[in-house]
Amino acid sequence: MVSSAISEVFVGLSSLSAAEAAGGVEVDLHKGVFIQIALFVFLMLVLKPLLFDPMLKLFEEREKRIDGAKALAREIDEKSASAQATYDAEMGKARAVANAERDKLRADGLRTENEILSRVRAEAGATLEEGRKKTHAEAEIARAALKGQSAELARSVASRVLGREVH
């Protein structure tokens, strides 16, 4: 069985090579080919207006919408870039004004601080000088009081150190 199938294939191949050797190819047209061509043309005539044209219109409409959406997105992007530039410019101005105000307030604060410190230093110096004068006056009073009592104190200390009464 297998050998008969193989021999049929070889016979078919040898007949093909003989037809090729004769220089021509024999085309066998039968009515099935004409029926297929007729069906193809019929289907093209029926499907073109019913299927292909609506599909092509749908694809074109989709392309138009996509292009429109892209144009709208581009326009929105340009507007947002413009708004961002305006925002950045306004923020720059606001920062400059805020920095100037901060520097002014800082300078006012330093001036006020220096005024307060100089007043406090003057008051502290006056208070210190007054305290020195008062201490000096009290020291003079204490010296004067001690001068009057120095002889008495000296005798008292000598009596204690010596352990006897000194005159």
N, C-alpha and C. Protein backbone atom coordinates (compact mmCIF):
# COMPACT_ATOMS: atom_id res chain seq x y z
N MET A 1 0.79 -1.16 0.00
CA MET A 1 0.00 0.00 0.00
C MET A 1 0.85 1.25 0.00
N VAL A 2 1.78 1.31 0.88
CA VAL A 2 2.67 2.46 0.95
C VAL A 2 3.49 2.54 -0.32
N SER A 3 3.93 1.39 -0.81
CA SER A 3 4.76 1.41 -2.02
C SER A 3 3.95 1.86 -3.22
N SER A 4 2.65 1.55 -3.26
CA SER A 4 1.83 2.00 -4.39
C SER A 4 1.62 3.50 -4.33
N ALA A 5 1.47 4.09 -3.13
CA ALA A 5 1.31 5.54 -2.99
C ALA A 5 2.58 6.25 -3.39
N ILE A 6 3.73 5.69 -3.03
CA ILE A 6 5.01 6.30 -3.38
C ILE A 6 5.20 6.25 -4.89
N SER A 7 4.83 5.14 -5.50
CA SER A 7 5.00 5.02 -6.95
C SER A 7 4.09 5.99 -7.68
N GLU A 8 2.86 6.26 -7.16
CA GLU A 8 1.96 7.22 -7.78
C GLU A 8 2.55 8.62 -7.71
N VAL A 9 3.19 8.98 -6.60
CA VAL A 9 3.82 10.30 -6.45
C VAL A 9 4.93 10.45 -7.46
N PHE A 10 5.76 9.43 -7.62
CA PHE A 10 6.85 9.50 -8.59
C PHE A 10 6.32 9.62 -10.01
N VAL A 11 5.24 8.92 -10.32
CA VAL A 11 4.65 9.00 -11.65
C VAL A 11 4.13 10.40 -11.89
N GLY A 12 3.50 10.99 -10.88
CA GLY A 12 2.98 12.36 -11.01
C GLY A 12 4.10 13.36 -11.22
N LEU A 13 5.20 13.17 -10.49
CA LEU A 13 6.35 14.08 -10.62
C LEU A 13 6.99 13.94 -12.00
N SER A 14 7.06 12.73 -12.50
CA SER A 14 7.68 12.53 -13.80
C SER A 14 6.82 13.13 -14.90
N SER A 15 5.48 13.07 -14.76
CA SER A 15 4.61 13.66 -15.77
C SER A 15 4.71 15.17 -15.73
N LEU A 16 4.91 15.79 -14.53
CA LEU A 16 5.08 17.23 -14.41
C LEU A 16 6.37 17.66 -15.08
N SER A 17 7.41 16.94 -14.82
CA SER A 17 8.68 17.31 -15.42
C SER A 17 8.62 17.17 -16.92
N ALA A 18 7.83 16.22 -17.48
CA ALA A 18 7.69 16.07 -18.92
C ALA A 18 6.95 17.27 -19.49
N ALA A 19 5.90 17.78 -18.75
CA ALA A 19 5.16 18.94 -19.24
C ALA A 19 6.03 20.17 -19.20
N GLU A 20 6.84 20.28 -18.21
CA GLU A 20 7.76 21.41 -18.12
C GLU A 20 8.79 21.34 -19.21
N ALA A 21 9.24 20.15 -19.54
CA ALA A 21 10.23 19.98 -20.59
C ALA A 21 9.66 20.39 -21.93
N ALA A 22 8.34 20.23 -22.14
CA ALA A 22 7.71 20.60 -23.40
C ALA A 22 7.64 22.10 -23.53
N GLY A 23 7.87 22.86 -22.40
CA GLY A 23 7.94 24.31 -22.45
C GLY A 23 6.64 25.00 -22.10
N GLY A 24 5.60 24.39 -21.74
CA GLY A 24 4.36 25.08 -21.44
C GLY A 24 3.67 24.47 -20.24
N VAL A 25 2.82 25.28 -19.64
CA VAL A 25 2.05 24.81 -18.50
C VAL A 25 0.61 24.79 -18.93
N GLU A 26 -0.03 23.72 -18.70
CA GLU A 26 -1.42 23.59 -19.11
C GLU A 26 -2.31 24.06 -17.96
N VAL A 27 -3.19 25.06 -18.23
CA VAL A 27 -4.10 25.59 -17.23
C VAL A 27 -5.47 25.02 -17.51
N ASP A 28 -6.06 24.46 -16.48
CA ASP A 28 -7.36 23.85 -16.64
C ASP A 28 -8.39 24.75 -15.97
N LEU A 29 -9.16 25.48 -16.75
CA LEU A 29 -10.21 26.34 -16.20
C LEU A 29 -11.51 25.58 -16.27
N HIS A 30 -12.15 25.47 -15.16
CA HIS A 30 -13.45 24.82 -15.15
C HIS A 30 -14.45 25.77 -14.54
N LYS A 31 -15.69 25.41 -14.50
CA LYS A 31 -16.74 26.34 -14.10
C LYS A 31 -16.66 26.73 -12.62
N GLY A 32 -15.98 26.02 -11.74
CA GLY A 32 -15.82 26.38 -10.32
C GLY A 32 -15.06 27.69 -10.16
N VAL A 33 -14.09 27.93 -11.03
CA VAL A 33 -13.31 29.18 -10.95
C VAL A 33 -14.21 30.35 -11.30
N PHE A 34 -15.04 30.20 -12.32
CA PHE A 34 -15.94 31.28 -12.72
C PHE A 34 -16.99 31.56 -11.66
N ILE A 35 -17.42 30.52 -10.98
CA ILE A 35 -18.40 30.69 -9.89
C ILE A 35 -17.74 31.46 -8.74
N GLN A 36 -16.50 31.15 -8.41
CA GLN A 36 -15.79 31.85 -7.33
C GLN A 36 -15.58 33.32 -7.69
N ILE A 37 -15.24 33.59 -8.96
CA ILE A 37 -15.05 34.99 -9.38
C ILE A 37 -16.38 35.72 -9.31
N ALA A 38 -17.45 35.09 -9.73
CA ALA A 38 -18.77 35.72 -9.68
C ALA A 38 -19.19 35.98 -8.24
N LEU A 39 -18.97 35.04 -7.34
CA LEU A 39 -19.28 35.24 -5.92
C LEU A 39 -18.45 36.39 -5.33
N PHE A 40 -17.20 36.46 -5.69
CA PHE A 40 -16.32 37.53 -5.19
C PHE A 40 -16.84 38.89 -5.62
N VAL A 41 -17.18 39.02 -6.91
CA VAL A 41 -17.68 40.31 -7.43
C VAL A 41 -19.01 40.64 -6.77
N PHE A 42 -19.91 39.64 -6.64
CA PHE A 42 -21.20 39.86 -6.00
C PHE A 42 -21.02 40.34 -4.56
N LEU A 43 -20.15 39.66 -3.82
CA LEU A 43 -19.91 40.05 -2.41
C LEU A 43 -19.29 41.43 -2.32
N MET A 44 -18.42 41.77 -3.25
CA MET A 44 -17.82 43.10 -3.24
C MET A 44 -18.89 44.17 -3.48
N LEU A 45 -19.78 43.92 -4.43
CA LEU A 45 -20.84 44.88 -4.73
C LEU A 45 -21.84 45.01 -3.57
N VAL A 46 -22.08 43.94 -2.86
CA VAL A 46 -23.03 43.97 -1.74
C VAL A 46 -22.37 44.49 -0.47
N LEU A 47 -21.17 44.05 -0.18
CA LEU A 47 -20.52 44.41 1.09
C LEU A 47 -19.91 45.81 1.08
N LYS A 48 -19.56 46.31 -0.08
CA LYS A 48 -18.94 47.64 -0.13
C LYS A 48 -19.86 48.70 0.48
N PRO A 49 -21.12 48.85 0.00
CA PRO A 49 -21.97 49.87 0.61
C PRO A 49 -22.48 49.49 2.00
N LEU A 50 -22.58 48.21 2.27
CA LEU A 50 -23.13 47.79 3.55
C LEU A 50 -22.09 47.70 4.67
N LEU A 51 -20.86 47.37 4.34
CA LEU A 51 -19.86 47.12 5.38
C LEU A 51 -18.63 48.02 5.23
N PHE A 52 -18.04 47.99 4.05
CA PHE A 52 -16.75 48.67 3.89
C PHE A 52 -16.88 50.19 3.97
N ASP A 53 -17.87 50.78 3.26
CA ASP A 53 -18.02 52.24 3.30
C ASP A 53 -18.33 52.75 4.71
N PRO A 54 -19.28 52.13 5.45
CA PRO A 54 -19.51 52.60 6.84
C PRO A 54 -18.27 52.44 7.73
N MET A 55 -17.54 51.36 7.53
CA MET A 55 -16.32 51.17 8.33
C MET A 55 -15.29 52.24 8.02
N LEU A 56 -15.12 52.56 6.73
CA LEU A 56 -14.16 53.61 6.35
C LEU A 56 -14.60 54.97 6.89
N LYS A 57 -15.93 55.25 6.84
CA LYS A 57 -16.42 56.50 7.42
C LYS A 57 -16.17 56.54 8.93
N LEU A 58 -16.37 55.42 9.58
CA LEU A 58 -16.13 55.33 11.02
C LEU A 58 -14.66 55.57 11.34
N PHE A 59 -13.77 54.99 10.54
CA PHE A 59 -12.34 55.20 10.76
C PHE A 59 -11.96 56.66 10.53
N GLU A 60 -12.53 57.29 9.47
CA GLU A 60 -12.25 58.70 9.20
C GLU A 60 -12.76 59.58 10.33
N GLU A 61 -13.96 59.29 10.82
CA GLU A 61 -14.52 60.07 11.93
C GLU A 61 -13.66 59.93 13.18
N ARG A 62 -13.21 58.72 13.43
CA ARG A 62 -12.33 58.49 14.58
C ARG A 62 -11.04 59.27 14.44
N GLU A 63 -10.46 59.28 13.24
CA GLU A 63 -9.23 60.06 12.99
C GLU A 63 -9.47 61.55 13.22
N LYS A 64 -10.63 62.04 12.72
CA LYS A 64 -10.95 63.46 12.92
C LYS A 64 -11.07 63.77 14.40
N ARG A 65 -11.74 62.91 15.15
CA ARG A 65 -11.89 63.14 16.59
C ARG A 65 -10.54 63.08 17.31
N ILE A 66 -9.72 62.15 16.91
CA ILE A 66 -8.39 62.05 17.54
C ILE A 66 -7.58 63.29 17.23
N ASP A 67 -7.63 63.75 15.95
CA ASP A 67 -6.90 64.97 15.59
C ASP A 67 -7.45 66.17 16.34
N GLY A 68 -8.77 66.23 16.47
CA GLY A 68 -9.40 67.32 17.24
C GLY A 68 -8.98 67.29 18.69
N ALA A 69 -8.96 66.10 19.26
CA ALA A 69 -8.56 65.96 20.67
C ALA A 69 -7.10 66.35 20.84
N LYS A 70 -6.26 65.97 19.88
CA LYS A 70 -4.85 66.36 19.96
C LYS A 70 -4.70 67.87 19.86
N ALA A 71 -5.46 68.50 18.95
CA ALA A 71 -5.39 69.96 18.81
C ALA A 71 -5.88 70.63 20.09
N LEU A 72 -6.95 70.12 20.67
CA LEU A 72 -7.47 70.68 21.92
C LEU A 72 -6.45 70.50 23.04
N ALA A 73 -5.82 69.34 23.09
CA ALA A 73 -4.80 69.09 24.12
C ALA A 73 -3.62 70.04 23.92
N ARG A 74 -3.23 70.26 22.67
CA ARG A 74 -2.13 71.19 22.39
C ARG A 74 -2.49 72.60 22.85
N GLU A 75 -3.74 73.01 22.56
CA GLU A 75 -4.20 74.34 22.94
C GLU A 75 -4.22 74.49 24.47
N ILE A 76 -4.74 73.47 25.14
CA ILE A 76 -4.78 73.50 26.61
C ILE A 76 -3.36 73.53 27.18
N ASP A 77 -2.47 72.78 26.57
CA ASP A 77 -1.08 72.76 27.02
C ASP A 77 -0.45 74.14 26.87
N GLU A 78 -0.73 74.80 25.74
CA GLU A 78 -0.18 76.15 25.53
C GLU A 78 -0.76 77.12 26.55
N LYS A 79 -2.07 77.02 26.82
CA LYS A 79 -2.69 77.89 27.82
C LYS A 79 -2.11 77.65 29.20
N SER A 80 -1.90 76.37 29.54
CA SER A 80 -1.35 76.07 30.86
C SER A 80 0.10 76.55 30.97
N ALA A 81 0.85 76.46 29.87
CA ALA A 81 2.22 76.97 29.90
C ALA A 81 2.21 78.48 30.07
N SER A 82 1.28 79.16 29.40
CA SER A 82 1.15 80.60 29.55
C SER A 82 0.75 80.96 30.98
N ALA A 83 -0.21 80.22 31.52
CA ALA A 83 -0.65 80.47 32.90
C ALA A 83 0.48 80.20 33.88
N GLN A 84 1.28 79.16 33.63
CA GLN A 84 2.41 78.86 34.50
C GLN A 84 3.44 79.98 34.46
N ALA A 85 3.69 80.51 33.26
CA ALA A 85 4.65 81.62 33.14
C ALA A 85 4.14 82.85 33.88
N THR A 86 2.84 83.14 33.75
CA THR A 86 2.25 84.27 34.47
C THR A 86 2.34 84.05 35.97
N TYR A 87 2.03 82.85 36.39
CA TYR A 87 2.11 82.52 37.83
C TYR A 87 3.53 82.70 38.35
N ASP A 88 4.51 82.19 37.60
CA ASP A 88 5.90 82.32 38.03
C ASP A 88 6.32 83.78 38.11
N ALA A 89 5.89 84.59 37.13
CA ALA A 89 6.23 86.02 37.15
C ALA A 89 5.61 86.70 38.36
N GLU A 90 4.34 86.41 38.63
CA GLU A 90 3.66 87.02 39.78
C GLU A 90 4.29 86.57 41.10
N MET A 91 4.65 85.28 41.16
CA MET A 91 5.30 84.79 42.38
C MET A 91 6.66 85.46 42.58
N GLY A 92 7.38 85.69 41.49
CA GLY A 92 8.66 86.39 41.58
C GLY A 92 8.49 87.79 42.13
N LYS A 93 7.46 88.50 41.61
CA LYS A 93 7.19 89.85 42.11
C LYS A 93 6.81 89.81 43.59
N ALA A 94 5.95 88.87 43.95
CA ALA A 94 5.51 88.77 45.35
C ALA A 94 6.69 88.44 46.27
N ARG A 95 7.57 87.55 45.80
CA ARG A 95 8.75 87.23 46.61
C ARG A 95 9.65 88.45 46.78
N ALA A 96 9.82 89.23 45.69
CA ALA A 96 10.66 90.42 45.77
C ALA A 96 10.07 91.41 46.78
N VAL A 97 8.75 91.61 46.73
CA VAL A 97 8.10 92.53 47.67
C VAL A 97 8.24 91.99 49.10
N ALA A 98 8.03 90.70 49.26
CA ALA A 98 8.14 90.09 50.60
C ALA A 98 9.57 90.20 51.14
N ASN A 99 10.56 89.97 50.27
CA ASN A 99 11.96 90.10 50.71
C ASN A 99 12.28 91.53 51.11
N ALA A 100 11.79 92.49 50.33
CA ALA A 100 12.03 93.90 50.67
C ALA A 100 11.38 94.25 52.00
N GLU A 101 10.15 93.78 52.20
CA GLU A 101 9.45 94.05 53.46
C GLU A 101 10.16 93.38 54.64
N ARG A 102 10.62 92.14 54.43
CA ARG A 102 11.35 91.44 55.48
C ARG A 102 12.64 92.18 55.84
N ASP A 103 13.37 92.64 54.83
CA ASP A 103 14.61 93.38 55.09
C ASP A 103 14.33 94.69 55.83
N LYS A 104 13.23 95.35 55.44
CA LYS A 104 12.86 96.60 56.12
C LYS A 104 12.53 96.33 57.59
N LEU A 105 11.72 95.28 57.82
CA LEU A 105 11.35 94.94 59.20
C LEU A 105 12.57 94.51 60.01
N ARG A 106 13.48 93.79 59.37
CA ARG A 106 14.69 93.37 60.06
C ARG A 106 15.53 94.59 60.45
N ALA A 107 15.66 95.56 59.53
CA ALA A 107 16.43 96.77 59.82
C ALA A 107 15.76 97.56 60.95
N ASP A 108 14.40 97.68 60.90
CA ASP A 108 13.69 98.37 61.98
C ASP A 108 13.90 97.66 63.31
N GLY A 109 13.84 96.34 63.28
CA GLY A 109 14.06 95.56 64.51
C GLY A 109 15.46 95.77 65.07
N LEU A 110 16.46 95.76 64.19
CA LEU A 110 17.84 95.99 64.67
C LEU A 110 18.00 97.40 65.24
N ARG A 111 17.39 98.39 64.58
CA ARG A 111 17.48 99.76 65.09
C ARG A 111 16.81 99.85 66.46
N THR A 112 15.63 99.26 66.59
CA THR A 112 14.92 99.28 67.88
C THR A 112 15.73 98.55 68.94
N GLU A 113 16.31 97.43 68.56
CA GLU A 113 17.14 96.67 69.50
C GLU A 113 18.32 97.49 69.97
N ASN A 114 18.99 98.18 69.05
CA ASN A 114 20.14 99.01 69.42
C ASN A 114 19.72 100.16 70.33
N GLU A 115 18.55 100.77 70.05
CA GLU A 115 18.06 101.85 70.92
C GLU A 115 17.79 101.33 72.33
N ILE A 116 17.12 100.20 72.41
CA ILE A 116 16.80 99.61 73.72
C ILE A 116 18.08 99.24 74.46
N LEU A 117 19.03 98.63 73.74
CA LEU A 117 20.29 98.24 74.39
C LEU A 117 21.05 99.46 74.89
N SER A 118 21.08 100.54 74.09
CA SER A 118 21.81 101.72 74.57
C SER A 118 21.12 102.35 75.78
N ARG A 119 19.78 102.37 75.80
CA ARG A 119 19.08 102.88 76.99
C ARG A 119 19.35 102.02 78.20
N VAL A 120 19.30 100.70 78.01
CA VAL A 120 19.53 99.79 79.14
C VAL A 120 20.97 99.93 79.62
N ARG A 121 21.92 100.05 78.69
CA ARG A 121 23.32 100.24 79.10
C ARG A 121 23.50 101.54 79.86
N ALA A 122 22.85 102.61 79.39
CA ALA A 122 22.95 103.90 80.09
C ALA A 122 22.35 103.79 81.49
N GLU A 123 21.16 103.15 81.56
CA GLU A 123 20.53 102.97 82.87
C GLU A 123 21.39 102.10 83.78
N ALA A 124 21.95 101.03 83.22
CA ALA A 124 22.80 100.14 84.02
C ALA A 124 24.05 100.89 84.48
N GLY A 125 24.63 101.70 83.58
CA GLY A 125 25.81 102.48 83.96
C GLY A 125 25.48 103.48 85.07
N ALA A 126 24.31 104.14 84.93
CA ALA A 126 23.89 105.11 85.96
C ALA A 126 23.64 104.40 87.28
N THR A 127 22.96 103.25 87.20
CA THR A 127 22.68 102.48 88.42
C THR A 127 23.98 102.00 89.05
N LEU A 128 24.92 101.55 88.23
CA LEU A 128 26.21 101.09 88.74
C LEU A 128 26.98 102.24 89.39
N GLU A 129 26.97 103.40 88.73
CA GLU A 129 27.67 104.57 89.29
C GLU A 129 27.03 105.01 90.60
N GLU A 130 25.69 104.98 90.63
CA GLU A 130 24.97 105.34 91.86
C GLU A 130 25.30 104.35 92.97
N GLY A 131 25.37 103.05 92.61
CA GLY A 131 25.71 102.03 93.61
C GLY A 131 27.13 102.22 94.12
N ARG A 132 28.06 102.60 93.23
CA ARG A 132 29.45 102.85 93.67
C ARG A 132 29.51 104.03 94.64
N LYS A 133 28.80 105.10 94.28
CA LYS A 133 28.80 106.28 95.15
C LYS A 133 28.21 105.94 96.51
N LYS A 134 27.08 105.18 96.49
CA LYS A 134 26.43 104.82 97.73
C LYS A 134 27.35 103.93 98.57
N THR A 135 28.00 102.95 97.89
CA THR A 135 28.91 102.06 98.59
C THR A 135 30.09 102.84 99.17
N HIS A 136 30.62 103.78 98.38
CA HIS A 136 31.74 104.61 98.84
C HIS A 136 31.33 105.44 100.06
N ALA A 137 30.10 106.02 99.98
CA ALA A 137 29.61 106.83 101.11
C ALA A 137 29.44 105.94 102.35
N GLU A 138 28.87 104.76 102.17
CA GLU A 138 28.68 103.85 103.30
C GLU A 138 30.02 103.42 103.88
N ALA A 139 30.99 103.19 102.96
CA ALA A 139 32.33 102.81 103.43
C ALA A 139 32.93 103.95 104.25
N GLU A 140 32.74 105.19 103.81
CA GLU A 140 33.27 106.35 104.57
C GLU A 140 32.61 106.45 105.93
N ILE A 141 31.30 106.22 105.97
CA ILE A 141 30.57 106.27 107.23
C ILE A 141 31.09 105.16 108.15
N ALA A 142 31.29 103.95 107.57
CA ALA A 142 31.76 102.83 108.37
C ALA A 142 33.18 103.11 108.87
N ARG A 143 34.05 103.72 108.04
CA ARG A 143 35.42 104.05 108.48
C ARG A 143 35.39 105.06 109.63
N ALA A 144 34.53 106.04 109.45
CA ALA A 144 34.45 107.06 110.50
C ALA A 144 33.96 106.43 111.81
N ALA A 145 32.98 105.53 111.69
CA ALA A 145 32.45 104.89 112.89
C ALA A 145 33.51 103.99 113.49
N LEU A 146 34.29 103.30 112.61
CA LEU A 146 35.31 102.40 113.10
C LEU A 146 36.48 103.16 113.72
N LYS A 147 36.78 104.37 113.18
CA LYS A 147 37.88 105.16 113.76
C LYS A 147 37.59 105.49 115.22
N GLY A 148 36.36 105.82 115.49
CA GLY A 148 35.98 106.13 116.87
C GLY A 148 36.02 104.89 117.75
N GLN A 149 35.78 103.76 117.20
CA GLN A 149 35.74 102.54 117.98
C GLN A 149 37.02 101.74 117.84
N SER A 150 37.96 102.18 117.04
CA SER A 150 39.15 101.39 116.78
C SER A 150 39.97 101.15 118.05
N ALA A 151 40.10 102.14 118.89
CA ALA A 151 40.88 101.96 120.10
C ALA A 151 40.19 100.95 121.01
N GLU A 152 38.91 101.06 121.14
CA GLU A 152 38.14 100.14 121.98
C GLU A 152 38.24 98.72 121.43
N LEU A 153 38.12 98.55 120.10
CA LEU A 153 38.20 97.23 119.47
C LEU A 153 39.60 96.64 119.62
N ALA A 154 40.61 97.50 119.47
CA ALA A 154 41.99 97.03 119.60
C ALA A 154 42.21 96.49 121.02
N ARG A 155 41.74 97.15 122.02
CA ARG A 155 41.89 96.68 123.39
C ARG A 155 41.15 95.38 123.59
N SER A 156 39.95 95.27 123.05
CA SER A 156 39.15 94.07 123.21
C SER A 156 39.83 92.88 122.54
N VAL A 157 40.38 93.09 121.34
CA VAL A 157 41.05 92.01 120.61
C VAL A 157 42.32 91.62 121.36
N ALA A 158 43.10 92.60 121.81
CA ALA A 158 44.34 92.33 122.53
C ALA A 158 44.05 91.58 123.83
N SER A 159 42.96 91.93 124.51
CA SER A 159 42.61 91.26 125.75
C SER A 159 42.27 89.80 125.48
N ARG A 160 41.62 89.53 124.45
CA ARG A 160 41.26 88.15 124.14
C ARG A 160 42.50 87.36 123.73
N VAL A 161 43.35 87.98 122.92
CA VAL A 161 44.53 87.27 122.45
C VAL A 161 45.47 87.01 123.64
N LEU A 162 45.68 87.99 124.45
CA LEU A 162 46.61 87.84 125.55
C LEU A 162 45.99 87.08 126.73
N GLY A 163 44.69 87.12 126.79
CA GLY A 163 44.01 86.41 127.86
C GLY A 163 43.96 87.24 129.14
N ARG A 164 44.29 88.51 129.11
CA ARG A 164 44.21 89.40 130.26
C ARG A 164 43.69 90.74 129.84
N GLU A 165 43.42 91.57 130.73
CA GLU A 165 42.86 92.88 130.48
C GLU A 165 43.97 93.84 130.12
N VAL A 166 43.81 94.58 128.94
CA VAL A 166 44.81 95.53 128.50
C VAL A 166 44.18 96.93 128.63
N HIS A 167 45.09 97.97 129.12
CA HIS A 167 44.56 99.33 129.28
C HIS A 167 45.10 100.26 128.32
